[in-house]
Amino acid sequence: MAGFHPHMPATRYSVVGKAFGAAMWFWVMYKAKEEGPAVLGLRHPWDGHGHGHGHGHSAEGEHH
């Protein structure tokens, strides 16, 4: 029968594709958890998010 008959990909390509797809969705869900409220306007991005990047003051009152 005439027409387009694509070949199935090798197993290694299917496995690698699924692994990359899973990694992408894990990353998307992680970023949604971390930054979702700020993106949706439920929280300001500069409000305290508990990561402690050294933006505070020391006990002596000097800025880091």
Protein backbone atom coordinates (compact mmCIF):
# COMPACT_ATOMS: atom_id res chain seq x y z
CA MET A 1 0.00 0.00 0.00
CA ALA A 2 1.38 3.39 -0.95
CA GLY A 3 1.74 6.14 1.60
CA PHE A 4 3.83 7.26 4.52
CA HIS A 5 5.01 4.46 6.83
CA PRO A 6 7.29 5.85 9.55
CA HIS A 7 9.66 3.53 11.38
CA MET A 8 9.43 3.16 15.14
CA PRO A 9 12.22 4.92 17.04
CA ALA A 10 14.91 2.88 18.75
CA THR A 11 14.19 2.02 22.38
CA ARG A 12 17.04 4.22 23.65
CA TYR A 13 15.50 7.29 21.99
CA SER A 14 12.11 6.56 23.53
CA VAL A 15 13.66 6.15 26.98
CA VAL A 16 15.77 9.31 26.68
CA GLY A 17 12.76 11.27 25.39
CA LYS A 18 10.61 10.12 28.31
CA ALA A 19 13.39 10.99 30.78
CA PHE A 20 13.75 14.50 29.35
CA GLY A 21 9.98 14.92 29.34
CA ALA A 22 9.75 13.84 32.98
CA ALA A 23 12.60 16.19 33.96
CA MET A 24 10.83 19.06 32.19
CA TRP A 25 7.56 18.44 34.06
CA PHE A 26 9.36 18.09 37.41
CA TRP A 27 11.03 21.45 36.72
CA VAL A 28 7.73 23.09 35.69
CA MET A 29 5.99 21.84 38.84
CA TYR A 30 8.91 22.90 41.06
CA LYS A 31 8.93 26.40 39.58
CA ALA A 32 5.13 26.61 39.88
CA LYS A 33 5.42 25.70 43.56
CA GLU A 34 8.21 28.22 44.17
CA GLU A 35 7.07 31.15 42.02
CA GLY A 36 3.42 30.43 41.25
CA PRO A 37 1.90 32.85 43.78
CA ALA A 38 4.10 35.70 42.52
CA VAL A 39 3.25 34.94 38.88
CA LEU A 40 -0.47 34.83 39.68
CA GLY A 41 -0.29 38.10 41.63
CA LEU A 42 -1.06 36.50 44.99
CA ARG A 43 2.30 37.53 46.47
CA HIS A 44 4.89 40.19 45.68
CA PRO A 45 8.16 38.72 44.37
CA TRP A 46 10.19 40.74 46.89
CA ASP A 47 8.20 39.58 49.93
CA GLY A 48 10.06 37.24 52.26
CA HIS A 49 10.28 33.79 50.76
CA GLY A 50 12.58 32.23 53.33
CA HIS A 51 15.69 31.64 51.23
CA GLY A 52 18.00 34.01 53.16
CA HIS A 53 20.26 35.47 50.50
CA GLY A 54 22.12 37.78 52.90
CA HIS A 55 19.86 40.79 52.46
CA GLY A 56 19.46 41.33 56.20
CA HIS A 57 21.52 43.08 58.85
CA SER A 58 23.97 41.57 61.30
CA ALA A 59 23.66 41.90 65.08
CA GLU A 60 25.89 45.03 65.03
CA GLY A 61 23.55 46.71 62.55
CA GLU A 62 25.98 46.58 59.62
CA HIS A 63 24.63 45.64 56.21
CA HIS A 64 26.15 42.49 54.70
